[in-house]
Amino acid sequence: MNLIKLNGYTPPSPSTFEVNFADVNGEKTQVEDGTTFIEQVRADVPEIKVGWTNLTQEEVEAITSECAQAIVNVDFYYGTMLSAKCTCSERSLKLKAIDNNNVTYWNLSFTLEG
């Protein structure tokens, strides 16, 4: 099952995958009778945390080139496939191993915010 696509590119299956939805709120105002009004700017904004282990150099380059763009068109699984325009943040790339043939393996993670 494909859990995520980045600009139409389907990366290898991630090792970690977490989707959260939150509301983006604006100004909060309290009136004299104690009632609070919250201006909702956007509802159900996705935050997708995704990570991979043991990626090859080629896989890392393919994934990171998709996330290098200002806006990433993301298709992601949340009970069904959903779509969102996101930015990529909290990027982390860690060298995991180098084998006897000098092939490198990497751990990669980042957060996509709608």
PDB file of N, CA and C in Angstrom:
ATOM      1  N   MET A   1       0.836  -1.179   0.000  1.00  0.00           N
ATOM      2  CA  MET A   1       0.000   0.000   0.000  1.00  0.00           C
ATOM      3  C   MET A   1       0.879   1.240   0.000  1.00  0.00           C
ATOM      4  N   ASN A   2       0.582   2.185  -0.864  1.00  0.00           N
ATOM      5  CA  ASN A   2       1.297   3.454  -0.897  1.00  0.00           C
ATOM      6  C   ASN A   2       0.677   4.393   0.133  1.00  0.00           C
ATOM      7  N   LEU A   3       1.472   4.804   1.107  1.00  0.00           N
ATOM      8  CA  LEU A   3       0.976   5.710   2.141  1.00  0.00           C
ATOM      9  C   LEU A   3       1.115   7.166   1.748  1.00  0.00           C
ATOM     10  N   ILE A   4       2.083   7.467   0.867  1.00  0.00           N
ATOM     11  CA  ILE A   4       2.356   8.857   0.546  1.00  0.00           C
ATOM     12  C   ILE A   4       2.943   9.000  -0.850  1.00  0.00           C
ATOM     13  N   LYS A   5       2.579  10.096  -1.504  1.00  0.00           N
ATOM     14  CA  LYS A   5       3.169  10.492  -2.779  1.00  0.00           C
ATOM     15  C   LYS A   5       3.573  11.957  -2.655  1.00  0.00           C
ATOM     16  N   LEU A   6       4.720  12.290  -3.233  1.00  0.00           N
ATOM     17  CA  LEU A   6       5.245  13.652  -3.196  1.00  0.00           C
ATOM     18  C   LEU A   6       5.346  14.160  -4.632  1.00  0.00           C
ATOM     19  N   ASN A   7       4.501  15.098  -5.004  1.00  0.00           N
ATOM     20  CA  ASN A   7       4.469  15.628  -6.375  1.00  0.00           C
ATOM     21  C   ASN A   7       4.337  14.516  -7.410  1.00  0.00           C
ATOM     22  N   GLY A   8       3.560  13.495  -7.089  1.00  0.00           N
ATOM     23  CA  GLY A   8       3.354  12.376  -8.001  1.00  0.00           C
ATOM     24  C   GLY A   8       4.391  11.267  -7.870  1.00  0.00           C
ATOM     25  N   TYR A   9       5.494  11.510  -7.176  1.00  0.00           N
ATOM     26  CA  TYR A   9       6.538  10.505  -6.964  1.00  0.00           C
ATOM     27  C   TYR A   9       6.157   9.627  -5.770  1.00  0.00           C
ATOM     28  N   THR A  10       6.213   8.317  -5.964  1.00  0.00           N
ATOM     29  CA  THR A  10       5.927   7.380  -4.879  1.00  0.00           C
ATOM     30  C   THR A  10       7.241   6.886  -4.294  1.00  0.00           C
ATOM     31  N   PRO A  11       7.579   7.338  -3.080  1.00  0.00           N
ATOM     32  CA  PRO A  11       8.820   6.868  -2.451  1.00  0.00           C
ATOM     33  C   PRO A  11       8.637   5.455  -1.898  1.00  0.00           C
ATOM     34  N   PRO A  12       9.732   4.836  -1.446  1.00  0.00           N
ATOM     35  CA  PRO A  12       9.588   3.532  -0.774  1.00  0.00           C
ATOM     36  C   PRO A  12       8.666   3.678   0.442  1.00  0.00           C
ATOM     37  N   SER A  13       8.124   2.580   0.905  1.00  0.00           N
ATOM     38  CA  SER A  13       7.240   2.616   2.072  1.00  0.00           C
ATOM     39  C   SER A  13       7.993   3.167   3.275  1.00  0.00           C
ATOM     40  N   PRO A  14       7.409   4.165   3.956  1.00  0.00           N
ATOM     41  CA  PRO A  14       8.097   4.755   5.104  1.00  0.00           C
ATOM     42  C   PRO A  14       8.125   3.813   6.307  1.00  0.00           C
ATOM     43  N   SER A  15       9.106   4.026   7.165  1.00  0.00           N
ATOM     44  CA  SER A  15       9.217   3.265   8.416  1.00  0.00           C
ATOM     45  C   SER A  15       8.317   3.856   9.489  1.00  0.00           C
ATOM     46  N   THR A  16       8.140   5.188   9.447  1.00  0.00           N
ATOM     47  CA  THR A  16       7.233   5.862  10.369  1.00  0.00           C
ATOM     48  C   THR A  16       6.323   6.773   9.563  1.00  0.00           C
ATOM     49  N   PHE A  17       5.074   6.876  10.006  1.00  0.00           N
ATOM     50  CA  PHE A  17       4.082   7.672   9.284  1.00  0.00           C
ATOM     51  C   PHE A  17       3.012   8.087  10.278  1.00  0.00           C
ATOM     52  N   GLU A  18       2.843   9.391  10.436  1.00  0.00           N
ATOM     53  CA  GLU A  18       1.858   9.899  11.395  1.00  0.00           C
ATOM     54  C   GLU A  18       1.166  11.120  10.791  1.00  0.00           C
ATOM     55  N   VAL A  19      -0.164  11.126  10.839  1.00  0.00           N
ATOM     56  CA  VAL A  19      -0.946  12.253  10.320  1.00  0.00           C
ATOM     57  C   VAL A  19      -1.754  12.853  11.461  1.00  0.00           C
ATOM     58  N   ASN A  20      -1.644  14.163  11.622  1.00  0.00           N
ATOM     59  CA  ASN A  20      -2.433  14.913  12.600  1.00  0.00           C
ATOM     60  C   ASN A  20      -3.150  16.038  11.864  1.00  0.00           C
ATOM     61  N   PHE A  21      -4.337  16.370  12.342  1.00  0.00           N
ATOM     62  CA  PHE A  21      -5.084  17.505  11.796  1.00  0.00           C
ATOM     63  C   PHE A  21      -5.288  18.516  12.912  1.00  0.00           C
ATOM     64  N   ALA A  22      -5.153  19.792  12.578  1.00  0.00           N
ATOM     65  CA  ALA A  22      -5.360  20.859  13.559  1.00  0.00           C
ATOM     66  C   ALA A  22      -6.055  22.028  12.887  1.00  0.00           C
ATOM     67  N   ASP A  23      -6.662  22.871  13.692  1.00  0.00           N
ATOM     68  CA  ASP A  23      -7.275  24.095  13.193  1.00  0.00           C
ATOM     69  C   ASP A  23      -6.285  25.242  13.374  1.00  0.00           C
ATOM     70  N   VAL A  24      -6.281  26.142  12.418  1.00  0.00           N
ATOM     71  CA  VAL A  24      -5.472  27.357  12.527  1.00  0.00           C
ATOM     72  C   VAL A  24      -6.415  28.463  12.946  1.00  0.00           C
ATOM     73  N   ASN A  25      -6.177  29.006  14.131  1.00  0.00           N
ATOM     74  CA  ASN A  25      -7.057  30.035  14.671  1.00  0.00           C
ATOM     75  C   ASN A  25      -6.377  31.392  14.642  1.00  0.00           C
ATOM     76  N   GLY A  26      -7.199  32.406  14.484  1.00  0.00           N
ATOM     77  CA  GLY A  26      -6.715  33.778  14.480  1.00  0.00           C
ATOM     78  C   GLY A  26      -6.941  34.414  15.835  1.00  0.00           C
ATOM     79  N   GLU A  27      -7.523  35.581  15.807  1.00  0.00           N
ATOM     80  CA  GLU A  27      -7.718  36.368  17.022  1.00  0.00           C
ATOM     81  C   GLU A  27      -8.751  35.734  17.952  1.00  0.00           C
ATOM     82  N   LYS A  28      -8.463  35.816  19.242  1.00  0.00           N
ATOM     83  CA  LYS A  28      -9.352  35.307  20.288  1.00  0.00           C
ATOM     84  C   LYS A  28      -9.840  36.514  21.085  1.00  0.00           C
ATOM     85  N   THR A  29     -11.158  36.656  21.164  1.00  0.00           N
ATOM     86  CA  THR A  29     -11.730  37.819  21.830  1.00  0.00           C
ATOM     87  C   THR A  29     -12.716  37.367  22.909  1.00  0.00           C
ATOM     88  N   GLN A  30     -12.651  38.004  24.067  1.00  0.00           N
ATOM     89  CA  GLN A  30     -13.601  37.699  25.136  1.00  0.00           C
ATOM     90  C   GLN A  30     -14.456  38.947  25.377  1.00  0.00           C
ATOM     91  N   VAL A  31     -15.781  38.731  25.366  1.00  0.00           N
ATOM     92  CA  VAL A  31     -16.697  39.850  25.580  1.00  0.00           C
ATOM     93  C   VAL A  31     -17.069  39.945  27.055  1.00  0.00           C
ATOM     94  N   GLU A  32     -17.822  40.989  27.375  1.00  0.00           N
ATOM     95  CA  GLU A  32     -18.154  41.318  28.762  1.00  0.00           C
ATOM     96  C   GLU A  32     -18.833  40.189  29.536  1.00  0.00           C
ATOM     97  N   ASP A  33     -19.682  39.401  28.868  1.00  0.00           N
ATOM     98  CA  ASP A  33     -20.395  38.339  29.574  1.00  0.00           C
ATOM     99  C   ASP A  33     -19.561  37.062  29.734  1.00  0.00           C
ATOM    100  N   GLY A  34     -18.293  37.102  29.331  1.00  0.00           N
ATOM    101  CA  GLY A  34     -17.406  35.952  29.495  1.00  0.00           C
ATOM    102  C   GLY A  34     -17.346  35.039  28.280  1.00  0.00           C
ATOM    103  N   THR A  35     -18.154  35.306  27.272  1.00  0.00           N
ATOM    104  CA  THR A  35     -18.143  34.496  26.058  1.00  0.00           C
ATOM    105  C   THR A  35     -16.860  34.766  25.268  1.00  0.00           C
ATOM    106  N   THR A  36     -16.247  33.707  24.794  1.00  0.00           N
ATOM    107  CA  THR A  36     -15.022  33.837  24.008  1.00  0.00           C
ATOM    108  C   THR A  36     -15.328  33.531  22.547  1.00  0.00           C
ATOM    109  N   PHE A  37     -14.863  34.399  21.673  1.00  0.00           N
ATOM    110  CA  PHE A  37     -14.987  34.197  20.234  1.00  0.00           C
ATOM    111  C   PHE A  37     -13.595  33.937  19.674  1.00  0.00           C
ATOM    112  N   ILE A  38     -13.491  32.870  18.896  1.00  0.00           N
ATOM    113  CA  ILE A  38     -12.218  32.534  18.258  1.00  0.00           C
ATOM    114  C   ILE A  38     -12.432  32.568  16.754  1.00  0.00           C
ATOM    115  N   GLU A  39     -11.631  33.368  16.083  1.00  0.00           N
ATOM    116  CA  GLU A  39     -11.696  33.443  14.627  1.00  0.00           C
ATOM    117  C   GLU A  39     -10.920  32.256  14.051  1.00  0.00           C
ATOM    118  N   GLN A  40     -11.633  31.388  13.351  1.00  0.00           N
ATOM    119  CA  GLN A  40     -10.977  30.229  12.747  1.00  0.00           C
ATOM    120  C   GLN A  40     -10.534  30.597  11.338  1.00  0.00           C
ATOM    121  N   VAL A  41      -9.240  30.510  11.103  1.00  0.00           N
ATOM    122  CA  VAL A  41      -8.674  30.855   9.809  1.00  0.00           C
ATOM    123  C   VAL A  41      -8.792  29.677   8.847  1.00  0.00           C
ATOM    124  N   ARG A  42      -8.373  28.485   9.314  1.00  0.00           N
ATOM    125  CA  ARG A  42      -8.470  27.265   8.500  1.00  0.00           C
ATOM    126  C   ARG A  42      -8.763  26.083   9.414  1.00  0.00           C
ATOM    127  N   ALA A  43      -9.574  25.164   8.918  1.00  0.00           N
ATOM    128  CA  ALA A  43      -9.910  23.965   9.693  1.00  0.00           C
ATOM    129  C   ALA A  43      -9.238  22.738   9.081  1.00  0.00           C
ATOM    130  N   ASP A  44      -8.940  21.770   9.914  1.00  0.00           N
ATOM    131  CA  ASP A  44      -8.396  20.480   9.490  1.00  0.00           C
ATOM    132  C   ASP A  44      -7.154  20.613   8.609  1.00  0.00           C
ATOM    133  N   VAL A  45      -6.165  21.311   9.109  1.00  0.00           N
ATOM    134  CA  VAL A  45      -4.895  21.473   8.398  1.00  0.00           C
ATOM    135  C   VAL A  45      -4.016  20.267   8.725  1.00  0.00           C
ATOM    136  N   PRO A  46      -3.541  19.534   7.702  1.00  0.00           N
ATOM    137  CA  PRO A  46      -2.755  18.328   7.986  1.00  0.00           C
ATOM    138  C   PRO A  46      -1.308  18.627   8.367  1.00  0.00           C
ATOM    139  N   GLU A  47      -0.788  17.797   9.253  1.00  0.00           N
ATOM    140  CA  GLU A  47       0.628  17.752   9.577  1.00  0.00           C
ATOM    141  C   GLU A  47       1.029  16.292   9.455  1.00  0.00           C
ATOM    142  N   ILE A  48       1.942  16.003   8.541  1.00  0.00           N
ATOM    143  CA  ILE A  48       2.338  14.624   8.246  1.00  0.00           C
ATOM    144  C   ILE A  48       3.799  14.444   8.617  1.00  0.00           C
ATOM    145  N   LYS A  49       4.055  13.564   9.577  1.00  0.00           N
ATOM    146  CA  LYS A  49       5.420  13.249   9.982  1.00  0.00           C
ATOM    147  C   LYS A  49       5.775  11.907   9.351  1.00  0.00           C
ATOM    148  N   VAL A  50       6.848  11.903   8.585  1.00  0.00           N
ATOM    149  CA  VAL A  50       7.206  10.696   7.845  1.00  0.00           C
ATOM    150  C   VAL A  50       8.705  10.452   7.958  1.00  0.00           C
ATOM    151  N   GLY A  51       9.087   9.168   8.012  1.00  0.00           N
ATOM    152  CA  GLY A  51      10.501   8.829   8.124  1.00  0.00           C
ATOM    153  C   GLY A  51      10.815   7.482   7.499  1.00  0.00           C
ATOM    154  N   TRP A  52      12.047   7.346   7.064  1.00  0.00           N
ATOM    155  CA  TRP A  52      12.522   6.110   6.441  1.00  0.00           C
ATOM    156  C   TRP A  52      13.830   5.699   7.092  1.00  0.00           C
ATOM    157  N   THR A  53      14.091   4.393   7.120  1.00  0.00           N
ATOM    158  CA  THR A  53      15.387   3.877   7.551  1.00  0.00           C
ATOM    159  C   THR A  53      15.986   3.066   6.405  1.00  0.00           C
ATOM    160  N   ASN A  54      17.290   3.004   6.387  1.00  0.00           N
ATOM    161  CA  ASN A  54      18.041   2.206   5.406  1.00  0.00           C
ATOM    162  C   ASN A  54      17.783   2.611   3.958  1.00  0.00           C
ATOM    163  N   LEU A  55      17.667   3.908   3.690  1.00  0.00           N
ATOM    164  CA  LEU A  55      17.543   4.374   2.312  1.00  0.00           C
ATOM    165  C   LEU A  55      18.914   4.403   1.653  1.00  0.00           C
ATOM    166  N   THR A  56      18.950   4.117   0.357  1.00  0.00           N
ATOM    167  CA  THR A  56      20.181   4.265  -0.401  1.00  0.00           C
ATOM    168  C   THR A  56      20.368   5.739  -0.763  1.00  0.00           C
ATOM    169  N   GLN A  57      21.552   6.066  -1.238  1.00  0.00           N
ATOM    170  CA  GLN A  57      21.844   7.442  -1.656  1.00  0.00           C
ATOM    171  C   GLN A  57      20.870   7.890  -2.745  1.00  0.00           C
ATOM    172  N   GLU A  58      20.566   7.021  -3.690  1.00  0.00           N
ATOM    173  CA  GLU A  58      19.648   7.357  -4.783  1.00  0.00           C
ATOM    174  C   GLU A  58      18.234   7.635  -4.277  1.00  0.00           C
ATOM    175  N   GLU A  59      17.768   6.835  -3.325  1.00  0.00           N
ATOM    176  CA  GLU A  59      16.436   7.048  -2.755  1.00  0.00           C
ATOM    177  C   GLU A  59      16.371   8.365  -1.987  1.00  0.00           C
ATOM    178  N   VAL A  60      17.430   8.675  -1.231  1.00  0.00           N
ATOM    179  CA  VAL A  60      17.490   9.938  -0.496  1.00  0.00           C
ATOM    180  C   VAL A  60      17.429  11.110  -1.468  1.00  0.00           C
ATOM    181  N   GLU A  61      18.206  11.048  -2.540  1.00  0.00           N
ATOM    182  CA  GLU A  61      18.227  12.136  -3.519  1.00  0.00           C
ATOM    183  C   GLU A  61      16.867  12.323  -4.175  1.00  0.00           C
ATOM    184  N   ALA A  62      16.180  11.229  -4.501  1.00  0.00           N
ATOM    185  CA  ALA A  62      14.862  11.326  -5.134  1.00  0.00           C
ATOM    186  C   ALA A  62      13.837  11.961  -4.193  1.00  0.00           C
ATOM    187  N   ILE A  63      13.832  11.548  -2.943  1.00  0.00           N
ATOM    188  CA  ILE A  63      12.864  12.079  -1.973  1.00  0.00           C
ATOM    189  C   ILE A  63      13.164  13.538  -1.650  1.00  0.00           C
ATOM    190  N   THR A  64      14.430  13.851  -1.376  1.00  0.00           N
ATOM    191  CA  THR A  64      14.764  15.220  -0.980  1.00  0.00           C
ATOM    192  C   THR A  64      14.602  16.207  -2.128  1.00  0.00           C
ATOM    193  N   SER A  65      14.750  15.763  -3.365  1.00  0.00           N
ATOM    194  CA  SER A  65      14.539  16.686  -4.489  1.00  0.00           C
ATOM    195  C   SER A  65      13.068  17.080  -4.592  1.00  0.00           C
ATOM    196  N   GLU A  66      12.160  16.192  -4.224  1.00  0.00           N
ATOM    197  CA  GLU A  66      10.726  16.536  -4.230  1.00  0.00           C
ATOM    198  C   GLU A  66      10.409  17.517  -3.105  1.00  0.00           C
ATOM    199  N   CYS A  67      11.079  17.368  -1.968  1.00  0.00           N
ATOM    200  CA  CYS A  67      10.816  18.241  -0.815  1.00  0.00           C
ATOM    201  C   CYS A  67      11.552  19.566  -0.895  1.00  0.00           C
ATOM    202  N   ALA A  68      12.444  19.714  -1.850  1.00  0.00           N
ATOM    203  CA  ALA A  68      13.191  20.960  -1.988  1.00  0.00           C
ATOM    204  C   ALA A  68      12.335  22.076  -2.580  1.00  0.00           C
ATOM    205  N   GLN A  69      11.212  21.721  -3.178  1.00  0.00           N
ATOM    206  CA  GLN A  69      10.335  22.718  -3.777  1.00  0.00           C
ATOM    207  C   GLN A  69       9.583  23.469  -2.681  1.00  0.00           C
ATOM    208  N   ALA A  70       9.205  24.712  -2.973  1.00  0.00           N
ATOM    209  CA  ALA A  70       8.510  25.549  -1.988  1.00  0.00           C
ATOM    210  C   ALA A  70       7.180  24.927  -1.566  1.00  0.00           C
ATOM    211  N   ILE A  71       6.439  24.403  -2.521  1.00  0.00           N
ATOM    212  CA  ILE A  71       5.157  23.740  -2.248  1.00  0.00           C
ATOM    213  C   ILE A  71       5.244  22.307  -2.755  1.00  0.00           C
ATOM    214  N   VAL A  72       4.847  21.369  -1.902  1.00  0.00           N
ATOM    215  CA  VAL A  72       4.848  19.956  -2.260  1.00  0.00           C
ATOM    216  C   VAL A  72       3.396  19.485  -2.327  1.00  0.00           C
ATOM    217  N   ASN A  73       3.000  18.944  -3.478  1.00  0.00           N
ATOM    218  CA  ASN A  73       1.664  18.354  -3.612  1.00  0.00           C
ATOM    219  C   ASN A  73       1.732  16.944  -3.038  1.00  0.00           C
ATOM    220  N   VAL A  74       1.005  16.728  -1.949  1.00  0.00           N
ATOM    221  CA  VAL A  74       1.104  15.478  -1.200  1.00  0.00           C
ATOM    222  C   VAL A  74      -0.222  14.723  -1.279  1.00  0.00           C
ATOM    223  N   ASP A  75      -0.135  13.461  -1.632  1.00  0.00           N
ATOM    224  CA  ASP A  75      -1.256  12.529  -1.502  1.00  0.00           C
ATOM    225  C   ASP A  75      -0.876  11.614  -0.341  1.00  0.00           C
ATOM    226  N   PHE A  76      -1.777  11.484   0.636  1.00  0.00           N
ATOM    227  CA  PHE A  76      -1.437  10.718   1.836  1.00  0.00           C
ATOM    228  C   PHE A  76      -2.644   9.915   2.292  1.00  0.00           C
ATOM    229  N   TYR A  77      -2.340   8.854   3.029  1.00  0.00           N
ATOM    230  CA  TYR A  77      -3.385   7.954   3.516  1.00  0.00           C
ATOM    231  C   TYR A  77      -3.858   8.390   4.897  1.00  0.00           C
ATOM    232  N   TYR A  78      -5.178   8.521   5.018  1.00  0.00           N
ATOM    233  CA  TYR A  78      -5.834   8.773   6.307  1.00  0.00           C
ATOM    234  C   TYR A  78      -7.205   8.093   6.254  1.00  0.00           C
ATOM    235  N   GLY A  79      -7.176   6.772   6.228  1.00  0.00           N
ATOM    236  CA  GLY A  79      -8.406   6.001   6.060  1.00  0.00           C
ATOM    237  C   GLY A  79      -8.783   5.865   4.600  1.00  0.00           C
ATOM    238  N   THR A  80      -8.438   6.862   3.842  1.00  0.00           N
ATOM    239  CA  THR A  80      -8.554   6.902   2.386  1.00  0.00           C
ATOM    240  C   THR A  80      -7.470   7.869   1.916  1.00  0.00           C
ATOM    241  N   MET A  81      -7.218   7.925   0.642  1.00  0.00           N
ATOM    242  CA  MET A  81      -6.190   8.845   0.140  1.00  0.00           C
ATOM    243  C   MET A  81      -6.746  10.269   0.099  1.00  0.00           C
ATOM    244  N   LEU A  82      -6.006  11.195   0.688  1.00  0.00           N
ATOM    245  CA  LEU A  82      -6.345  12.621   0.698  1.00  0.00           C
ATOM    246  C   LEU A  82      -5.221  13.389   0.022  1.00  0.00           C
ATOM    247  N   SER A  83      -5.496  14.630  -0.357  1.00  0.00           N
ATOM    248  CA  SER A  83      -4.491  15.473  -1.004  1.00  0.00           C
ATOM    249  C   SER A  83      -4.362  16.790  -0.262  1.00  0.00           C
ATOM    250  N   ALA A  84      -3.156  17.354  -0.284  1.00  0.00           N
ATOM    251  CA  ALA A  84      -2.907  18.656   0.336  1.00  0.00           C
ATOM    252  C   ALA A  84      -1.669  19.283  -0.293  1.00  0.00           C
ATOM    253  N   LYS A  85      -1.643  20.601  -0.273  1.00  0.00           N
ATOM    254  CA  LYS A  85      -0.440  21.344  -0.647  1.00  0.00           C
ATOM    255  C   LYS A  85       0.294  21.645   0.653  1.00  0.00           C
ATOM    256  N   CYS A  86       1.560  21.239   0.733  1.00  0.00           N
ATOM    257  CA  CYS A  86       2.306  21.330   1.990  1.00  0.00           C
ATOM    258  C   CYS A  86       3.667  21.980   1.785  1.00  0.00           C
ATOM    259  N   THR A  87       4.250  22.380   2.895  1.00  0.00           N
ATOM    260  CA  THR A  87       5.653  22.767   2.943  1.00  0.00           C
ATOM    261  C   THR A  87       6.390  21.712   3.755  1.00  0.00           C
ATOM    262  N   CYS A  88       7.669  21.591   3.484  1.00  0.00           N
ATOM    263  CA  CYS A  88       8.491  20.579   4.149  1.00  0.00           C
ATOM    264  C   CYS A  88       9.348  21.258   5.210  1.00  0.00           C
ATOM    265  N   SER A  89       9.286  20.737   6.435  1.00  0.00           N
ATOM    266  CA  SER A  89      10.078  21.325   7.522  1.00  0.00           C
ATOM    267  C   SER A  89      10.639  20.214   8.402  1.00  0.00           C
ATOM    268  N   GLU A  90      11.423  20.616   9.379  1.00  0.00           N
ATOM    269  CA  GLU A  90      12.027  19.697  10.348  1.00  0.00           C
ATOM    270  C   GLU A  90      12.714  18.520   9.661  1.00  0.00           C
ATOM    271  N   ARG A  91      13.538  18.824   8.676  1.00  0.00           N
ATOM    272  CA  ARG A  91      14.235  17.775   7.920  1.00  0.00           C
ATOM    273  C   ARG A  91      15.413  17.231   8.713  1.00  0.00           C
ATOM    274  N   SER A  92      15.598  15.918   8.643  1.00  0.00           N
ATOM    275  CA  SER A  92      16.720  15.274   9.316  1.00  0.00           C
ATOM    276  C   SER A  92      17.244  14.135   8.446  1.00  0.00           C
ATOM    277  N   LEU A  93      18.549  14.125   8.222  1.00  0.00           N
ATOM    278  CA  LEU A  93      19.206  13.062   7.451  1.00  0.00           C
ATOM    279  C   LEU A  93      20.371  12.557   8.286  1.00  0.00           C
ATOM    280  N   LYS A  94      20.380  11.249   8.542  1.00  0.00           N
ATOM    281  CA  LYS A  94      21.412  10.673   9.402  1.00  0.00           C
ATOM    282  C   LYS A  94      22.023   9.458   8.711  1.00  0.00           C
ATOM    283  N   LEU A  95      23.342   9.450   8.646  1.00  0.00           N
ATOM    284  CA  LEU A  95      24.051   8.296   8.098  1.00  0.00           C
ATOM    285  C   LEU A  95      23.890   7.122   9.046  1.00  0.00           C
ATOM    286  N   LYS A  96      23.405   6.001   8.509  1.00  0.00           N
ATOM    287  CA  LYS A  96      23.189   4.830   9.355  1.00  0.00           C
ATOM    288  C   LYS A  96      24.349   3.843   9.238  1.00  0.00           C
ATOM    289  N   ALA A  97      24.781   3.570   7.995  1.00  0.00           N
ATOM    290  CA  ALA A  97      25.839   2.575   7.820  1.00  0.00           C
ATOM    291  C   ALA A  97      26.512   2.748   6.465  1.00  0.00           C
ATOM    292  N   ILE A  98      27.739   2.241   6.406  1.00  0.00           N
ATOM    293  CA  ILE A  98      28.472   2.123   5.146  1.00  0.00           C
ATOM    294  C   ILE A  98      28.904   0.668   5.069  1.00  0.00           C
ATOM    295  N   ASP A  99      28.500  -0.021   3.993  1.00  0.00           N
ATOM    296  CA  ASP A  99      28.844  -1.442   3.904  1.00  0.00           C
ATOM    297  C   ASP A  99      30.251  -1.633   3.323  1.00  0.00           C
ATOM    298  N   ASN A 100      30.648  -2.882   3.139  1.00  0.00           N
ATOM    299  CA  ASN A 100      31.994  -3.200   2.649  1.00  0.00           C
ATOM    300  C   ASN A 100      32.242  -2.705   1.230  1.00  0.00           C
ATOM    301  N   ASN A 101      31.182  -2.445   0.476  1.00  0.00           N
ATOM    302  CA  ASN A 101      31.308  -1.940  -0.899  1.00  0.00           C
ATOM    303  C   ASN A 101      31.178  -0.426  -0.957  1.00  0.00           C
ATOM    304  N   ASN A 102      31.286   0.244   0.195  1.00  0.00           N
ATOM    305  CA  ASN A 102      31.142   1.706   0.314  1.00  0.00           C
ATOM    306  C   ASN A 102      29.765   2.206  -0.104  1.00  0.00           C
ATOM    307  N   VAL A 103      28.745   1.375   0.018  1.00  0.00           N
ATOM    308  CA  VAL A 103      27.369   1.807  -0.214  1.00  0.00           C
ATOM    309  C   VAL A 103      26.853   2.385   1.101  1.00  0.00           C
ATOM    310  N   THR A 104      26.274   3.587   1.016  1.00  0.00           N
ATOM    311  CA  THR A 104      25.783   4.239   2.230  1.00  0.00           C
ATOM    312  C   THR A 104      24.296   3.985   2.421  1.00  0.00           C
ATOM    313  N   TYR A 105      23.879   3.910   3.675  1.00  0.00           N
ATOM    314  CA  TYR A 105      22.474   3.749   4.042  1.00  0.00           C
ATOM    315  C   TYR A 105      22.124   4.865   5.017  1.00  0.00           C
ATOM    316  N   TRP A 106      20.957   5.456   4.815  1.00  0.00           N
ATOM    317  CA  TRP A 106      20.571   6.670   5.514  1.00  0.00           C
ATOM    318  C   TRP A 106      19.216   6.553   6.192  1.00  0.00           C
ATOM    319  N   ASN A 107      19.041   7.323   7.276  1.00  0.00           N
ATOM    320  CA  ASN A 107      17.730   7.541   7.887  1.00  0.00           C
ATOM    321  C   ASN A 107      17.312   8.962   7.527  1.00  0.00           C
ATOM    322  N   LEU A 108      16.103   9.108   7.032  1.00  0.00           N
ATOM    323  CA  LEU A 108      15.582  10.406   6.599  1.00  0.00           C
ATOM    324  C   LEU A 108      14.220  10.622   7.227  1.00  0.00           C
ATOM    325  N   SER A 109      13.967  11.829   7.731  1.00  0.00           N
ATOM    326  CA  SER A 109      12.641  12.163   8.255  1.00  0.00           C
ATOM    327  C   SER A 109      12.366  13.636   8.040  1.00  0.00           C
ATOM    328  N   PHE A 110      11.098  13.981   7.955  1.00  0.00           N
ATOM    329  CA  PHE A 110      10.682  15.362   7.848  1.00  0.00           C
ATOM    330  C   PHE A 110       9.194  15.480   8.145  1.00  0.00           C
ATOM    331  N   THR A 111       8.741  16.715   8.274  1.00  0.00           N
ATOM    332  CA  THR A 111       7.340  16.999   8.525  1.00  0.00           C
ATOM    333  C   THR A 111       6.782  17.810   7.356  1.00  0.00           C
ATOM    334  N   LEU A 112       5.615  17.406   6.894  1.00  0.00           N
ATOM    335  CA  LEU A 112       4.898  18.136   5.839  1.00  0.00           C
ATOM    336  C   LEU A 112       3.730  18.856   6.496  1.00  0.00           C
ATOM    337  N   GLU A 113       3.666  20.158   6.300  1.00  0.00           N
ATOM    338  CA  GLU A 113       2.612  20.965   6.930  1.00  0.00           C
ATOM    339  C   GLU A 113       1.745  21.605   5.862  1.00  0.00           C
ATOM    340  N   GLY A 114       0.415  21.394   5.983  1.00  0.00           N
ATOM    341  CA  GLY A 114      -0.543  21.917   5.011  1.00  0.00           C
ATOM    342  C   GLY A 114      -0.828  23.368   5.175  1.00  0.00           C
TER     343      GLY A 114
END
